[in-house]
Amino acid sequence: METLNRITSTFENVRTAIKNKNSSERLQSLKKDIQTLYTELIVLGKENHDLYVRSIAMEGYLSLLSAKTMPISLIEKRNILQAAYDKIKPYALRDECLFIMLRIQNLLCYYLIQLDQSNQAREILENMEELYDRISKSQPDKFLDAEDLFTAEPLNKIRRVNPEKIDKVITNNVQMQAFLYNKLNLPQKYTLYNHTALRRQLEMKEGTPQDWALRTARLGNYFTYLNQLGNARHHLCAAYHVLRTCHDNCKLMPEEFVLQKADFEVHFLELSHHWVKYGLTLFKLSKKKILNRYFSQPTSRPDLWKTLELLEEHTENVENMEKFDEENMKDLGAEKTGKGDCNQPPEKLFTFPSLNLKDMENRVPLDMVCNVEEARKLFAFTHKWLMRAKHYYDFEHHSAQYISCSLQLAELYEHLAFFERNIDNQYSIQKRRADVLETLNSLLKTCDNVMSVQIDVIRELSQVQLELMALNLQKLWREESQTNIFNFDTDADSIINSLDSESNKTLTEKTLNTSCKNMFLRKMEAATSINGKLFRLSGQLGAATPSQLSLSTSLLKN
């Protein structure tokens, strides 16, 4: 008991020294008192066997305090925490040790990542996963904060730590694990642990709704990058739901809303960009699947003249209701997930059960586009979000963003034209696409430092002109084919008259001329259609579109 009293007195001196930041003698006295406490705790553990585990927990807290407050190198901080972690780990589930061990492990892994020792940090974090499950099965209100152990009171009289503090440290560890997997380029594990951290924060109401919504939207955008559109839709809907709810609640407090209105606009703007990327990605995947299916089937040489018709038939007959991320979900379900998620079915891994998003998700297109009606629906959805973003920018003050939005709008028209069967509608859509590019090109002419972007815009304008020419030839062929059809009933008189004409051409020759003209027009139309289609669609299987080009902001500085 006397030793505990001395330890308590010395620890109060340490607290005072930490608070008194302006004192010139602070560091010297702090270092001396911490060293004295280490010595006293070793003696306490040796002389009192029943206080041995308690002394180890108190030593761990001193190590954490030293790493946080002492002006020592990062390597020295790592060594102090590593020694403390190794010493306390065998007693991890003891009431005195759990909370301080989690804090030590968290800071140790942070230092290891800073020192580029990612594999060591990964090993420690992954070894902790089994402990998390055991903690969740134990009594939540029985653990102690090591800082409260620096007293002469027995353990049964010391107040217990709030379970939410333990949950926050675990969530922080999970978030760090997600960061580590992202650094190690392990996208499936990164998304799983990042989602788990977000789900825990949502359930605990940790942090601000705006911050949670932004991080969830960015994870949804990453799912879009991985082509896991089901997960992307769920996360983007969750982000919009939380952000909209927070926005509406804030409007009830006018003074607070005035202060946060600009922040909300920026948050909704970022969310708009993520939704636009979602819509464009769904269009690209739909087109790529149709083209892969078409070109994977053997086609005889004469059938090449019917490319357009066959492609339209394949577009109509592609199976609907396919989910792009189904295989990824199954693979993740087979992995060890940890944090209480391993017992969930694959389709539940990346959801937020506490949010009711079913109605909102049903309004967002997800299935593969295979006809013009579905294409128009997806176009309308994506166009709405794109216009929200585009109206926020002007060319003078936000050049890079304005250019990006214009190129995305042109790309959106291109996708819609792909699924449109009516030639007049296709022409109208391609004309709008050309108008967008011409407007952008005229603006780029006023700048001297965006030559590379202007070249790409001109190249796409040339592509649009090819599209328009192909459509004009298709219309010409259809008009000519209707007027040049040989009809024996209506043209009988003209045939008889032709026999008496002074022309050297015979009936057979005239008939062959008409037939050859029709064949020539058909082949011209088919060849132009093939060239135009392949030129437009060649990029769908590999090449990037102009709206995907990286626009360096340094090029746009005036």
Protein backbone atom coordinates (compact mmCIF):
# COMPACT_ATOMS: atom_id res chain seq x y z
CA MET A 1 0.00 0.00 0.00
CA GLU A 2 2.87 2.36 0.80
CA THR A 3 4.38 1.73 -2.63
CA LEU A 4 1.06 2.53 -4.30
CA ASN A 5 0.85 5.79 -2.37
CA ARG A 6 4.30 6.83 -3.59
CA ILE A 7 3.39 5.88 -7.14
CA THR A 8 0.17 7.92 -6.93
CA SER A 9 2.05 10.98 -5.64
CA THR A 10 4.72 10.77 -8.34
CA PHE A 11 2.09 10.30 -11.05
CA GLU A 12 0.38 13.51 -9.96
CA ASN A 13 3.70 15.28 -10.51
CA VAL A 14 3.83 13.81 -14.02
CA ARG A 15 0.33 15.11 -14.76
CA THR A 16 1.28 18.57 -13.53
CA ALA A 17 4.43 18.62 -15.66
CA ILE A 18 2.47 17.64 -18.78
CA LYS A 19 -0.07 20.43 -18.20
CA ASN A 20 2.65 23.03 -17.52
CA LYS A 21 3.90 23.25 -21.12
CA ASN A 22 5.68 26.61 -20.72
CA SER A 23 8.03 25.53 -17.96
CA SER A 24 11.71 25.32 -18.95
CA GLU A 25 12.33 22.53 -16.44
CA ARG A 26 9.33 20.53 -17.58
CA LEU A 27 11.11 17.93 -19.69
CA GLN A 28 13.81 17.22 -17.13
CA SER A 29 11.36 16.71 -14.28
CA LEU A 30 9.01 14.71 -16.51
CA LYS A 31 11.76 12.35 -17.59
CA LYS A 32 12.94 11.91 -14.01
CA ASP A 33 9.46 11.22 -12.64
CA ILE A 34 8.65 8.71 -15.39
CA GLN A 35 11.88 6.83 -14.70
CA THR A 36 11.06 6.81 -10.98
CA LEU A 37 7.62 5.40 -11.71
CA TYR A 38 9.09 2.62 -13.86
CA THR A 39 11.33 1.59 -10.98
CA GLU A 40 8.53 1.73 -8.42
CA LEU A 41 6.21 -0.34 -10.62
CA ILE A 42 8.80 -3.07 -11.10
CA VAL A 43 9.21 -3.26 -7.32
CA LEU A 44 5.43 -3.30 -6.87
CA GLY A 45 5.02 -6.25 -9.22
CA LYS A 46 7.80 -8.26 -7.60
CA GLU A 47 6.74 -7.68 -4.00
CA ASN A 48 2.98 -8.12 -4.56
CA HIS A 49 2.08 -11.02 -6.80
CA ASP A 50 -1.61 -10.07 -6.85
CA LEU A 51 -0.65 -6.62 -8.19
CA TYR A 52 1.68 -7.91 -10.91
CA VAL A 53 -0.80 -7.60 -13.79
CA ARG A 54 -1.87 -4.19 -12.52
CA SER A 55 1.76 -3.02 -12.51
CA ILE A 56 2.20 -4.21 -16.11
CA ALA A 57 -0.87 -2.22 -17.20
CA MET A 58 0.48 0.87 -15.42
CA GLU A 59 3.88 0.40 -17.09
CA GLY A 60 2.09 0.22 -20.42
CA TYR A 61 0.39 3.53 -19.76
CA LEU A 62 3.74 5.14 -18.90
CA SER A 63 5.18 3.83 -22.17
CA LEU A 64 2.26 5.35 -24.07
CA LEU A 65 2.75 8.63 -22.20
CA SER A 66 6.48 8.67 -22.98
CA ALA A 67 5.92 8.07 -26.69
CA LYS A 68 3.38 10.89 -26.84
CA THR A 69 5.13 13.54 -24.77
CA MET A 70 8.90 12.99 -24.83
CA PRO A 71 10.97 14.65 -27.62
CA ILE A 72 12.52 11.45 -28.95
CA SER A 73 12.91 9.99 -32.44
CA LEU A 74 10.26 7.94 -34.18
CA ILE A 75 12.39 4.82 -33.92
CA GLU A 76 12.79 5.29 -30.16
CA LYS A 77 9.04 5.74 -29.79
CA ARG A 78 8.47 2.55 -31.75
CA ASN A 79 10.94 0.63 -29.57
CA ILE A 80 9.29 1.83 -26.34
CA LEU A 81 5.82 0.83 -27.53
CA GLN A 82 7.00 -2.48 -29.00
CA ALA A 83 8.53 -3.50 -25.67
CA ALA A 84 5.37 -2.49 -23.80
CA TYR A 85 3.14 -4.32 -26.31
CA ASP A 86 5.14 -7.54 -26.08
CA LYS A 87 5.02 -7.42 -22.28
CA ILE A 88 1.29 -6.75 -21.94
CA LYS A 89 0.02 -8.95 -24.79
CA PRO A 90 -0.16 -12.23 -22.76
CA TYR A 91 -2.60 -10.48 -20.39
CA ALA A 92 -4.67 -8.82 -23.12
CA LEU A 93 -8.09 -9.91 -21.81
CA ARG A 94 -7.45 -9.00 -18.19
CA ASP A 95 -9.66 -6.18 -16.94
CA GLU A 96 -6.67 -3.94 -16.22
CA CYS A 97 -4.84 -4.51 -19.50
CA LEU A 98 -7.29 -4.63 -22.41
CA PHE A 99 -7.93 -0.93 -22.97
CA ILE A 100 -4.33 0.20 -22.58
CA MET A 101 -3.11 -2.64 -24.80
CA LEU A 102 -5.48 -1.54 -27.59
CA ARG A 103 -4.19 2.02 -27.33
CA ILE A 104 -0.55 0.88 -27.36
CA GLN A 105 -1.15 -1.35 -30.36
CA ASN A 106 -2.92 1.46 -32.22
CA LEU A 107 -0.11 3.97 -31.76
CA LEU A 108 2.57 1.33 -32.41
CA CYS A 109 1.03 0.41 -35.78
CA TYR A 110 0.76 4.09 -36.65
CA TYR A 111 4.50 4.54 -36.06
CA LEU A 112 5.31 1.34 -37.98
CA ILE A 113 3.39 2.62 -41.00
CA GLN A 114 5.21 5.95 -40.78
CA LEU A 115 8.52 4.06 -40.72
CA ASP A 116 7.40 2.12 -43.82
CA GLN A 117 7.29 -1.15 -41.89
CA SER A 118 3.87 -2.04 -43.26
CA ASN A 119 4.25 -5.81 -43.02
CA GLN A 120 4.93 -5.66 -39.29
CA ALA A 121 1.94 -3.39 -38.77
CA ARG A 122 -0.23 -5.72 -40.85
CA GLU A 123 0.82 -8.75 -38.80
CA ILE A 124 -0.05 -7.02 -35.52
CA LEU A 125 -3.41 -5.74 -36.77
CA GLU A 126 -4.45 -9.09 -38.24
CA ASN A 127 -3.48 -10.93 -35.05
CA MET A 128 -5.83 -8.62 -33.16
CA GLU A 129 -8.91 -9.74 -35.10
CA GLU A 130 -9.58 -12.79 -32.96
CA LEU A 131 -9.34 -10.58 -29.88
CA TYR A 132 -12.07 -8.28 -31.22
CA ASP A 133 -14.51 -11.18 -31.45
CA ARG A 134 -13.67 -12.29 -27.91
CA ILE A 135 -14.20 -8.75 -26.62
CA SER A 136 -17.64 -8.59 -28.23
CA LYS A 137 -18.64 -11.78 -26.40
CA SER A 138 -17.44 -10.59 -22.98
CA GLN A 139 -19.09 -8.18 -20.56
CA PRO A 140 -18.65 -4.69 -22.01
CA ASP A 141 -18.47 -2.78 -18.73
CA LYS A 142 -15.81 -4.69 -16.80
CA PHE A 143 -12.60 -3.20 -18.23
CA LEU A 144 -10.47 -0.47 -16.64
CA ASP A 145 -8.58 2.54 -17.90
CA ALA A 146 -4.89 2.19 -16.96
CA GLU A 147 -4.75 5.89 -16.11
CA ASP A 148 -7.20 5.26 -13.26
CA LEU A 149 -4.95 2.55 -11.81
CA PHE A 150 -2.55 5.13 -10.39
CA THR A 151 -4.36 5.19 -7.06
CA ALA A 152 -4.21 3.33 -3.77
CA GLU A 153 -7.80 2.10 -4.21
CA PRO A 154 -8.38 -1.63 -4.86
CA LEU A 155 -9.58 -2.72 -8.32
CA ASN A 156 -13.18 -3.32 -7.27
CA LYS A 157 -13.54 0.34 -6.27
CA ILE A 158 -12.08 1.84 -9.44
CA ARG A 159 -14.63 3.05 -12.01
CA ARG A 160 -14.92 1.09 -15.23
CA VAL A 161 -14.14 2.55 -18.63
CA ASN A 162 -17.04 3.47 -20.89
CA PRO A 163 -17.53 0.64 -23.45
CA GLU A 164 -17.81 3.25 -26.20
CA LYS A 165 -14.14 4.14 -25.67
CA ILE A 166 -13.14 0.55 -26.37
CA ASP A 167 -15.37 0.47 -29.46
CA LYS A 168 -13.79 3.68 -30.74
CA VAL A 169 -10.26 2.29 -30.38
CA ILE A 170 -11.27 -0.91 -32.18
CA THR A 171 -12.90 1.12 -34.94
CA ASN A 172 -9.76 3.22 -35.23
CA ASN A 173 -7.72 0.03 -35.57
CA VAL A 174 -10.03 -1.27 -38.28
CA GLN A 175 -9.74 2.05 -40.11
CA MET A 176 -5.96 1.88 -39.87
CA GLN A 177 -6.09 -1.65 -41.22
CA ALA A 178 -8.09 -0.41 -44.21
CA PHE A 179 -5.52 2.33 -44.83
CA LEU A 180 -2.77 -0.27 -44.68
CA TYR A 181 -4.48 -2.58 -47.19
CA ASN A 182 -4.94 0.36 -49.55
CA LYS A 183 -1.25 1.15 -49.24
CA LEU A 184 -0.40 -2.50 -49.98
CA ASN A 185 -2.73 -2.43 -53.04
CA LEU A 186 -5.20 -5.01 -51.72
CA PRO A 187 -8.49 -3.48 -52.96
CA GLN A 188 -10.88 -6.22 -51.78
CA LYS A 189 -9.56 -6.15 -48.22
CA TYR A 190 -9.39 -2.35 -48.27
CA THR A 191 -13.06 -2.01 -49.21
CA LEU A 192 -14.15 -4.59 -46.63
CA TYR A 193 -12.33 -3.00 -43.69
CA ASN A 194 -13.14 0.55 -44.76
CA HIS A 195 -16.83 -0.35 -44.94
CA THR A 196 -16.64 -2.08 -41.55
CA ALA A 197 -15.16 1.04 -39.98
CA LEU A 198 -17.88 3.21 -41.55
CA ARG A 199 -20.62 0.86 -40.37
CA ARG A 200 -19.28 0.90 -36.81
CA GLN A 201 -19.04 4.70 -36.83
CA LEU A 202 -22.60 4.99 -38.11
CA GLU A 203 -23.93 2.70 -35.40
CA MET A 204 -21.96 4.53 -32.68
CA LYS A 205 -22.78 7.97 -34.19
CA GLU A 206 -19.08 8.79 -34.06
CA GLY A 207 -17.95 11.98 -35.79
CA THR A 208 -20.07 14.38 -37.83
CA PRO A 209 -22.69 13.26 -40.40
CA GLN A 210 -21.05 15.39 -43.09
CA ASP A 211 -17.66 13.73 -42.61
CA TRP A 212 -19.22 10.26 -42.57
CA ALA A 213 -21.21 10.96 -45.74
CA LEU A 214 -18.14 12.19 -47.63
CA ARG A 215 -16.01 9.19 -46.68
CA THR A 216 -18.86 6.83 -47.57
CA ALA A 217 -19.33 8.54 -50.94
CA ARG A 218 -15.61 8.19 -51.67
CA LEU A 219 -15.76 4.49 -50.85
CA GLY A 220 -18.76 4.22 -53.18
CA ASN A 221 -16.71 5.93 -55.88
CA TYR A 222 -13.94 3.39 -55.29
CA PHE A 223 -16.48 0.58 -55.72
CA THR A 224 -17.40 2.18 -59.06
CA TYR A 225 -13.72 2.07 -60.02
CA LEU A 226 -13.74 -1.67 -59.18
CA ASN A 227 -16.91 -2.13 -61.31
CA GLN A 228 -18.81 -3.32 -58.21
CA LEU A 229 -21.82 -1.19 -59.01
CA GLY A 230 -24.22 -2.78 -56.51
CA ASN A 231 -21.93 -1.80 -53.64
CA ALA A 232 -21.28 1.59 -55.24
CA ARG A 233 -25.00 2.34 -55.47
CA HIS A 234 -25.62 1.36 -51.85
CA HIS A 235 -22.81 3.54 -50.50
CA LEU A 236 -23.67 6.55 -52.66
CA CYS A 237 -27.32 6.28 -51.62
CA ALA A 238 -26.26 6.03 -47.96
CA ALA A 239 -24.06 9.10 -48.33
CA TYR A 240 -26.84 11.10 -50.00
CA HIS A 241 -29.41 10.00 -47.40
CA VAL A 242 -27.26 11.03 -44.44
CA LEU A 243 -26.13 14.28 -46.07
CA ARG A 244 -29.67 15.24 -47.11
CA THR A 245 -31.06 14.43 -43.65
CA CYS A 246 -28.35 16.53 -42.01
CA HIS A 247 -29.02 19.36 -44.49
CA ASP A 248 -32.78 19.34 -43.83
CA ASN A 249 -32.28 19.26 -40.05
CA CYS A 250 -29.81 22.12 -40.25
CA LYS A 251 -32.32 24.24 -42.18
CA LEU A 252 -34.53 24.18 -39.10
CA MET A 253 -31.83 26.27 -37.38
CA PRO A 254 -31.40 29.30 -39.68
CA GLU A 255 -28.34 30.72 -37.93
CA GLU A 256 -26.50 27.42 -38.08
CA PHE A 257 -27.59 26.80 -41.67
CA VAL A 258 -26.15 30.13 -42.85
CA LEU A 259 -22.75 29.10 -41.48
CA GLN A 260 -22.81 25.65 -43.07
CA LYS A 261 -24.61 26.36 -46.36
CA ALA A 262 -21.40 26.71 -48.37
CA ASP A 263 -20.03 23.47 -46.92
CA PHE A 264 -23.19 21.60 -47.87
CA GLU A 265 -22.92 22.89 -51.45
CA VAL A 266 -19.37 21.57 -51.71
CA HIS A 267 -20.39 18.20 -50.25
CA PHE A 268 -23.31 17.79 -52.66
CA LEU A 269 -21.03 18.84 -55.53
CA GLU A 270 -18.56 16.06 -54.74
CA LEU A 271 -21.42 13.58 -54.48
CA SER A 272 -22.65 14.72 -57.91
CA HIS A 273 -19.29 13.86 -59.46
CA HIS A 274 -19.41 10.38 -57.94
CA TRP A 275 -22.91 9.77 -59.33
CA VAL A 276 -21.81 10.92 -62.80
CA LYS A 277 -18.91 8.48 -62.73
CA TYR A 278 -21.33 5.75 -61.65
CA GLY A 279 -23.65 6.40 -64.60
CA LEU A 280 -20.85 6.60 -67.17
CA THR A 281 -19.31 3.39 -65.84
CA LEU A 282 -22.62 1.55 -66.11
CA PHE A 283 -22.92 2.70 -69.73
CA LYS A 284 -19.37 1.57 -70.52
CA LEU A 285 -19.80 -1.85 -68.95
CA SER A 286 -23.09 -2.37 -70.79
CA LYS A 287 -21.57 -1.47 -74.14
CA LYS A 288 -18.45 -3.51 -73.52
CA LYS A 289 -20.49 -6.59 -72.67
CA ILE A 290 -22.59 -6.23 -75.82
CA LEU A 291 -19.52 -5.77 -78.02
CA ASN A 292 -17.64 -8.66 -76.43
CA ARG A 293 -20.61 -10.93 -76.94
CA TYR A 294 -21.03 -9.83 -80.54
CA PHE A 295 -17.38 -10.05 -81.60
CA SER A 296 -16.85 -13.35 -79.78
CA GLN A 297 -19.30 -15.10 -82.14
CA PRO A 298 -17.99 -16.29 -85.55
CA THR A 299 -19.45 -14.34 -88.45
CA SER A 300 -19.33 -15.35 -92.10
CA ARG A 301 -17.96 -12.88 -94.63
CA PRO A 302 -21.29 -11.94 -96.27
CA ASP A 303 -22.80 -11.25 -92.85
CA LEU A 304 -20.31 -8.44 -92.26
CA TRP A 305 -22.55 -6.22 -94.39
CA LYS A 306 -25.29 -6.66 -91.78
CA THR A 307 -23.23 -5.47 -88.84
CA LEU A 308 -25.64 -2.77 -87.78
CA GLU A 309 -28.71 -5.00 -87.81
CA LEU A 310 -26.97 -7.84 -85.98
CA LEU A 311 -25.63 -5.50 -83.34
CA GLU A 312 -29.12 -4.17 -82.72
CA GLU A 313 -30.46 -7.70 -82.38
CA HIS A 314 -27.77 -8.59 -79.87
CA THR A 315 -28.54 -5.43 -77.94
CA GLU A 316 -32.16 -6.52 -77.60
CA ASN A 317 -31.45 -10.16 -76.76
CA VAL A 318 -28.76 -9.73 -74.08
CA GLU A 319 -29.93 -11.21 -70.79
CA ASN A 320 -31.16 -8.60 -68.34
CA MET A 321 -30.97 -8.45 -64.55
CA GLU A 322 -27.22 -9.26 -64.39
CA LYS A 323 -25.22 -7.78 -61.56
CA PHE A 324 -21.67 -6.76 -62.33
CA ASP A 325 -20.25 -7.38 -58.86
CA GLU A 326 -21.84 -10.78 -58.15
CA GLU A 327 -18.60 -12.75 -58.47
CA ASN A 328 -16.68 -10.27 -56.33
CA MET A 329 -19.28 -10.59 -53.57
CA LYS A 330 -19.00 -14.37 -53.61
CA ASP A 331 -15.21 -14.20 -53.39
CA LEU A 332 -15.38 -11.82 -50.44
CA GLY A 333 -17.87 -14.03 -48.66
CA ALA A 334 -15.35 -16.85 -48.73
CA GLU A 335 -12.63 -14.74 -47.09
CA LYS A 336 -12.10 -14.28 -43.39
CA THR A 337 -13.76 -10.99 -42.63
CA GLY A 338 -13.42 -10.51 -38.88
CA LYS A 339 -15.11 -7.93 -36.67
CA GLY A 340 -18.28 -9.95 -36.43
CA ASP A 341 -18.91 -9.85 -40.20
CA CYS A 342 -17.76 -13.37 -41.02
CA ASN A 343 -21.16 -14.90 -40.29
CA GLN A 344 -23.01 -12.56 -42.66
CA PRO A 345 -24.06 -13.70 -46.15
CA PRO A 346 -22.07 -12.13 -49.02
CA GLU A 347 -24.88 -9.77 -50.05
CA LYS A 348 -24.93 -8.31 -46.51
CA LEU A 349 -21.20 -7.64 -46.23
CA PHE A 350 -21.30 -4.15 -47.70
CA THR A 351 -24.59 -2.81 -46.39
CA PHE A 352 -25.66 -0.43 -43.64
CA PRO A 353 -28.52 -2.28 -41.89
CA SER A 354 -29.44 0.74 -39.77
CA LEU A 355 -30.35 2.79 -42.88
CA ASN A 356 -33.53 2.20 -44.89
CA LEU A 357 -32.31 2.76 -48.44
CA LYS A 358 -34.49 0.34 -50.42
CA ASP A 359 -36.79 2.94 -52.01
CA MET A 360 -33.89 5.22 -52.89
CA GLU A 361 -31.86 2.38 -54.42
CA ASN A 362 -34.82 1.25 -56.52
CA ARG A 363 -34.80 4.66 -58.24
CA VAL A 364 -31.16 4.29 -59.26
CA PRO A 365 -30.44 2.18 -62.40
CA LEU A 366 -28.24 -0.84 -61.75
CA ASP A 367 -29.02 -3.53 -64.34
CA MET A 368 -27.10 -3.73 -67.57
CA VAL A 369 -28.48 -1.45 -70.28
CA CYS A 370 -29.73 -3.46 -73.26
CA ASN A 371 -32.30 -1.26 -75.02
CA VAL A 372 -33.02 2.37 -75.74
CA GLU A 373 -35.63 2.75 -72.97
CA GLU A 374 -33.13 1.68 -70.31
CA ALA A 375 -30.47 3.86 -71.92
CA ARG A 376 -32.75 6.91 -71.74
CA LYS A 377 -33.50 6.20 -68.09
CA LEU A 378 -29.82 5.97 -67.19
CA PHE A 379 -29.07 9.03 -69.34
CA ALA A 380 -31.70 11.11 -67.53
CA PHE A 381 -30.37 10.05 -64.12
CA THR A 382 -26.73 10.78 -64.98
CA HIS A 383 -27.54 13.98 -66.87
CA LYS A 384 -29.36 15.36 -63.82
CA TRP A 385 -26.30 14.96 -61.59
CA LEU A 386 -23.93 16.19 -64.30
CA MET A 387 -25.91 19.40 -64.76
CA ARG A 388 -25.83 20.00 -60.99
CA ALA A 389 -22.06 19.83 -61.10
CA LYS A 390 -21.63 21.75 -64.37
CA HIS A 391 -23.76 24.69 -63.21
CA TYR A 392 -21.43 25.16 -60.25
CA TYR A 393 -18.44 25.92 -62.49
CA ASP A 394 -17.56 28.58 -65.01
CA PHE A 395 -14.68 28.47 -67.47
CA GLU A 396 -12.94 31.54 -66.11
CA HIS A 397 -12.61 30.46 -62.47
CA HIS A 398 -12.81 26.64 -62.64
CA SER A 399 -11.28 25.79 -66.01
CA ALA A 400 -10.28 22.19 -65.29
CA GLN A 401 -13.63 21.26 -63.75
CA TYR A 402 -15.59 22.98 -66.53
CA ILE A 403 -13.64 21.14 -69.23
CA SER A 404 -14.09 17.82 -67.45
CA CYS A 405 -17.86 18.30 -67.14
CA SER A 406 -18.16 19.28 -70.82
CA LEU A 407 -16.25 16.19 -71.94
CA GLN A 408 -18.38 14.01 -69.69
CA LEU A 409 -21.53 15.51 -71.21
CA ALA A 410 -20.24 14.74 -74.71
CA GLU A 411 -19.44 11.20 -73.62
CA LEU A 412 -22.92 10.81 -72.16
CA TYR A 413 -24.48 11.78 -75.52
CA GLU A 414 -22.21 9.26 -77.23
CA HIS A 415 -23.42 6.45 -74.96
CA LEU A 416 -27.07 7.34 -75.56
CA ALA A 417 -26.56 7.39 -79.34
CA PHE A 418 -25.11 3.87 -79.18
CA PHE A 419 -28.42 2.44 -77.95
CA GLU A 420 -30.70 4.63 -80.10
CA ARG A 421 -32.11 2.79 -83.16
CA ASN A 422 -33.95 5.62 -84.86
CA ILE A 423 -31.60 7.34 -87.32
CA ASP A 424 -33.15 10.78 -86.87
CA ASN A 425 -32.84 10.48 -83.09
CA GLN A 426 -29.24 9.34 -83.43
CA TYR A 427 -28.49 12.33 -85.63
CA SER A 428 -30.09 14.72 -83.13
CA ILE A 429 -28.09 13.24 -80.25
CA GLN A 430 -24.80 13.36 -82.16
CA LYS A 431 -25.55 16.96 -83.15
CA ARG A 432 -25.95 17.90 -79.49
CA ARG A 433 -22.69 16.15 -78.76
CA ALA A 434 -21.04 18.18 -81.51
CA ASP A 435 -22.52 21.42 -80.12
CA VAL A 436 -21.04 20.70 -76.68
CA LEU A 437 -17.60 20.02 -78.16
CA GLU A 438 -17.69 23.04 -80.47
CA THR A 439 -18.64 25.32 -77.57
CA LEU A 440 -15.79 23.91 -75.53
CA ASN A 441 -13.38 24.22 -78.44
CA SER A 442 -14.25 27.89 -78.92
CA LEU A 443 -13.49 28.53 -75.24
CA LEU A 444 -10.20 26.65 -75.42
CA LYS A 445 -9.08 28.87 -78.30
CA THR A 446 -8.96 31.78 -75.86
CA CYS A 447 -6.34 29.97 -73.73
CA ASP A 448 -2.71 29.46 -74.68
CA ASN A 449 -1.80 26.70 -72.24
CA VAL A 450 -4.35 23.97 -72.96
CA MET A 451 -3.13 22.84 -76.37
CA SER A 452 -3.16 19.12 -75.49
CA VAL A 453 -6.76 19.31 -74.31
CA GLN A 454 -7.80 21.22 -77.43
CA ILE A 455 -6.21 18.56 -79.65
CA ASP A 456 -8.28 15.88 -77.90
CA VAL A 457 -11.44 17.93 -78.33
CA ILE A 458 -10.74 18.44 -82.05
CA ARG A 459 -10.08 14.72 -82.42
CA GLU A 460 -13.43 13.91 -80.84
CA LEU A 461 -15.14 16.51 -83.03
CA SER A 462 -13.72 14.70 -86.06
CA GLN A 463 -15.13 11.48 -84.69
CA VAL A 464 -18.56 13.08 -84.37
CA GLN A 465 -18.38 14.26 -87.98
CA LEU A 466 -17.73 10.67 -89.05
CA GLU A 467 -20.77 9.61 -87.06
CA LEU A 468 -22.94 12.25 -88.72
CA MET A 469 -21.65 11.30 -92.16
CA ALA A 470 -22.46 7.63 -91.51
CA LEU A 471 -25.97 8.56 -90.41
CA ASN A 472 -26.50 10.72 -93.50
CA LEU A 473 -25.41 7.84 -95.74
CA GLN A 474 -27.80 5.51 -93.94
CA LYS A 475 -30.66 7.93 -94.55
CA LEU A 476 -29.56 8.31 -98.19
CA TRP A 477 -29.51 4.56 -98.70
CA ARG A 478 -32.97 4.12 -97.26
CA GLU A 479 -34.38 6.87 -99.47
CA GLU A 480 -32.67 5.50 -102.57
CA SER A 481 -33.66 1.92 -101.84
CA GLN A 482 -37.31 2.96 -101.59
CA THR A 483 -37.32 4.91 -104.89
CA ASN A 484 -35.27 2.40 -106.92
CA ILE A 485 -37.18 -0.77 -106.14
CA PHE A 486 -38.04 -2.59 -109.40
CA ASN A 487 -41.82 -3.17 -109.51
CA PHE A 488 -43.16 -5.19 -112.48
CA ASP A 489 -46.73 -3.98 -112.00
CA THR A 490 -46.15 -0.25 -111.85
CA ASP A 491 -43.23 -0.12 -114.27
CA ALA A 492 -44.64 -2.38 -117.03
CA ASP A 493 -45.35 0.48 -119.41
CA SER A 494 -41.94 2.02 -118.98
CA ILE A 495 -40.35 -1.36 -119.65
CA ILE A 496 -42.30 -1.80 -122.90
CA ASN A 497 -41.46 1.73 -123.97
CA SER A 498 -37.83 1.09 -123.30
CA LEU A 499 -37.88 -1.71 -125.87
CA ASP A 500 -38.76 0.81 -128.59
CA SER A 501 -36.30 3.44 -127.42
CA GLU A 502 -33.29 4.42 -129.44
CA SER A 503 -31.03 3.58 -126.49
CA ASN A 504 -28.56 0.76 -126.96
CA LYS A 505 -29.34 -0.54 -123.46
CA THR A 506 -31.43 -3.68 -123.18
CA LEU A 507 -34.01 -4.43 -120.50
CA THR A 508 -31.54 -6.76 -118.83
CA GLU A 509 -28.92 -4.00 -118.78
CA LYS A 510 -31.36 -1.49 -117.28
CA THR A 511 -32.42 -4.00 -114.66
CA LEU A 512 -28.79 -4.80 -113.87
CA ASN A 513 -27.96 -1.10 -113.63
CA THR A 514 -30.71 -0.59 -111.07
CA SER A 515 -29.63 -3.68 -109.16
CA CYS A 516 -25.97 -2.63 -109.24
CA LYS A 517 -26.89 0.84 -108.05
CA ASN A 518 -28.78 -0.62 -105.13
CA MET A 519 -25.92 -3.00 -104.35
CA PHE A 520 -23.40 -0.16 -104.54
CA LEU A 521 -25.42 2.00 -102.17
CA ARG A 522 -25.91 -0.93 -99.81
CA LYS A 523 -22.20 -1.66 -99.69
CA MET A 524 -21.35 2.02 -99.29
CA GLU A 525 -23.84 2.34 -96.44
CA ALA A 526 -22.62 -0.87 -94.80
CA ALA A 527 -18.95 0.04 -95.13
CA THR A 528 -19.53 3.50 -93.74
CA SER A 529 -21.56 2.07 -90.89
CA ILE A 530 -18.84 -0.44 -90.07
CA ASN A 531 -16.08 2.16 -90.20
CA GLY A 532 -18.04 4.66 -88.18
CA LYS A 533 -19.14 2.11 -85.59
CA LEU A 534 -15.70 0.56 -85.18
CA PHE A 535 -14.05 3.97 -85.00
CA ARG A 536 -16.50 5.04 -82.33
CA LEU A 537 -16.51 1.78 -80.43
CA SER A 538 -12.86 0.77 -80.67
CA GLY A 539 -12.17 2.73 -77.52
CA GLN A 540 -14.81 0.85 -75.56
CA LEU A 541 -12.61 -2.25 -75.26
CA GLY A 542 -9.49 -0.48 -74.11
CA ALA A 543 -8.83 3.11 -75.09
CA ALA A 544 -9.73 5.98 -72.79
CA THR A 545 -12.24 8.63 -73.75
CA PRO A 546 -11.36 12.32 -73.58
CA SER A 547 -13.44 12.77 -70.43
CA GLN A 548 -11.17 10.27 -68.70
CA LEU A 549 -8.02 12.21 -69.53
CA SER A 550 -6.20 13.68 -66.59
CA LEU A 551 -6.42 17.44 -66.77
CA SER A 552 -3.41 18.88 -65.00
CA THR A 553 -4.34 21.98 -63.09
CA SER A 554 -0.88 23.37 -63.67
CA LEU A 555 -1.66 23.64 -67.38
CA LEU A 556 -4.72 25.72 -66.64
CA LYS A 557 -3.12 28.38 -64.48
CA ASN A 558 -3.25 31.78 -66.10
